Amino acid sequence: MKFETLPEYDKDLKQLLKKFRTLNTDLQDVKKVLMVRPDAQPPFSFKIDGLGISSCVIKIKKIASDSFKGKGNNSGFRLIYAYFQEEQRIVFVELYHKGVKDNEDRQRILKNFK
């Protein structure tokens, strides 16, 4: 499996790393899971419908982090990625903290994959 990132994702990650030092390690764990099961796995991840594009865009909910130990349900990251099965490629689109932002940036997805 090949992993790629969008420049906007890189900015998201850089900002979050300032506050959440374990994020790179947490994302390595996510990549290990995606190597084995890259498609949507409800209830922890699901395909984002209603975009009107052919690309398979998936949202991972509840990414556990060592930075959140004992913080409760409102903690966690969300990761949006596009999965290209034929090419065995994943493109990370967006990363955000659940407490700061409610939903994915659909405009970013459409701009990059339409």
Protein backbone atom coordinates (compact mmCIF):
# COMPACT_ATOMS: atom_id res chain seq x y z
CA MET A 1 0.00 0.00 0.00
CA LYS A 2 1.33 3.41 -0.95
CA PHE A 3 0.50 6.41 1.25
CA GLU A 4 0.37 9.99 -0.03
CA THR A 5 -0.74 13.29 1.48
CA LEU A 6 -2.27 16.49 0.18
CA PRO A 7 -0.51 19.77 1.06
CA GLU A 8 -3.57 20.79 3.09
CA TYR A 9 -3.28 17.58 5.12
CA ASP A 10 0.38 18.32 5.80
CA LYS A 11 -0.63 21.73 7.21
CA ASP A 12 -3.33 20.10 9.37
CA LEU A 13 -0.77 17.64 10.75
CA LYS A 14 1.83 20.32 11.44
CA GLN A 15 -0.68 22.39 13.42
CA LEU A 16 -1.93 19.42 15.43
CA LEU A 17 1.59 18.20 16.24
CA LYS A 18 2.21 21.41 18.17
CA LYS A 19 -0.42 20.40 20.70
CA PHE A 20 -0.49 16.59 20.39
CA ARG A 21 3.06 15.23 20.50
CA THR A 22 2.09 11.57 20.08
CA LEU A 23 0.18 12.13 16.85
CA ASN A 24 2.89 10.79 14.51
CA THR A 25 3.04 7.55 16.50
CA ASP A 26 -0.76 7.34 16.53
CA LEU A 27 -0.87 7.77 12.75
CA GLN A 28 1.72 5.01 12.28
CA ASP A 29 -0.69 2.69 14.09
CA VAL A 30 -3.50 3.80 11.77
CA LYS A 31 -1.33 3.10 8.73
CA LYS A 32 -0.65 -0.43 9.99
CA VAL A 33 -4.39 -1.07 10.14
CA LEU A 34 -4.97 0.49 6.72
CA MET A 35 -2.32 -1.78 5.20
CA VAL A 36 -4.52 -4.74 6.13
CA ARG A 37 -8.04 -3.24 5.93
CA PRO A 38 -8.06 -0.07 3.82
CA ASP A 39 -11.79 -0.04 3.09
CA ALA A 40 -14.52 1.31 5.39
CA GLN A 41 -15.09 -0.67 8.58
CA PRO A 42 -18.27 0.57 10.33
CA PRO A 43 -18.72 1.81 13.03
CA PHE A 44 -15.16 3.15 13.20
CA SER A 45 -14.87 4.24 9.58
CA PHE A 46 -17.33 4.76 6.78
CA LYS A 47 -17.53 5.92 3.18
CA ILE A 48 -18.55 9.54 2.77
CA ASP A 49 -21.57 9.54 0.46
CA GLY A 50 -23.25 12.36 -1.40
CA LEU A 51 -20.12 13.86 -2.90
CA GLY A 52 -20.98 13.06 -6.51
CA ILE A 53 -17.50 11.73 -7.28
CA SER A 54 -16.27 8.27 -8.22
CA SER A 55 -13.35 8.23 -5.76
CA CYS A 56 -13.88 6.25 -2.57
CA VAL A 57 -13.47 8.77 0.26
CA ILE A 58 -13.50 7.34 3.78
CA LYS A 59 -13.73 8.99 7.20
CA ILE A 60 -12.13 7.32 10.20
CA LYS A 61 -13.79 8.20 13.49
CA LYS A 62 -12.32 7.62 16.91
CA ILE A 63 -8.60 7.56 16.30
CA ALA A 64 -7.21 6.80 19.72
CA SER A 65 -4.25 8.81 20.90
CA ASP A 66 -1.91 8.60 23.85
CA SER A 67 -2.40 12.38 24.10
CA PHE A 68 -6.02 11.81 25.18
CA LYS A 69 -5.64 9.32 28.01
CA GLY A 70 -8.51 9.90 30.43
CA LYS A 71 -10.11 12.71 28.44
CA GLY A 72 -13.44 10.99 27.66
CA ASN A 73 -15.62 10.65 24.58
CA ASN A 74 -15.13 14.13 23.14
CA SER A 75 -11.50 13.49 22.44
CA GLY A 76 -10.15 11.97 19.29
CA PHE A 77 -9.09 12.70 15.76
CA ARG A 78 -10.87 12.29 12.47
CA LEU A 79 -8.96 11.25 9.36
CA ILE A 80 -10.34 11.62 5.85
CA TYR A 81 -8.65 9.69 3.06
CA ALA A 82 -9.24 8.61 -0.52
CA TYR A 83 -8.72 4.92 -1.26
CA PHE A 84 -7.79 3.78 -4.76
CA GLN A 85 -8.13 0.00 -4.66
CA GLU A 86 -6.77 -0.74 -8.15
CA GLU A 87 -3.61 1.26 -7.50
CA GLN A 88 -3.26 0.11 -3.87
CA ARG A 89 -2.92 3.78 -2.91
CA ILE A 90 -4.29 5.92 -0.09
CA VAL A 91 -4.23 9.72 -0.14
CA PHE A 92 -4.66 11.45 3.22
CA VAL A 93 -6.98 14.41 2.67
CA GLU A 94 -7.75 15.91 6.07
CA LEU A 95 -6.95 15.44 9.74
CA TYR A 96 -8.75 17.28 12.51
CA HIS A 97 -9.58 17.12 16.19
CA LYS A 98 -13.18 16.25 16.97
CA GLY A 99 -13.42 18.95 19.64
CA VAL A 100 -12.41 21.72 17.23
CA LYS A 101 -14.29 20.83 14.05
CA ASP A 102 -17.52 18.88 13.56
CA ASN A 103 -17.33 17.67 9.95
CA GLU A 104 -14.98 17.09 7.05
CA ASP A 105 -14.18 19.81 4.52
CA ARG A 106 -16.25 18.65 1.55
CA GLN A 107 -14.92 21.48 -0.61
CA ARG A 108 -11.37 20.21 -0.11
CA ILE A 109 -12.42 16.71 -1.14
CA LEU A 110 -14.23 17.92 -4.25
CA LYS A 111 -11.37 20.28 -5.22
CA ASN A 112 -8.85 17.42 -5.18
CA PHE A 113 -10.85 14.46 -6.47
CA LYS A 114 -13.50 15.70 -8.89
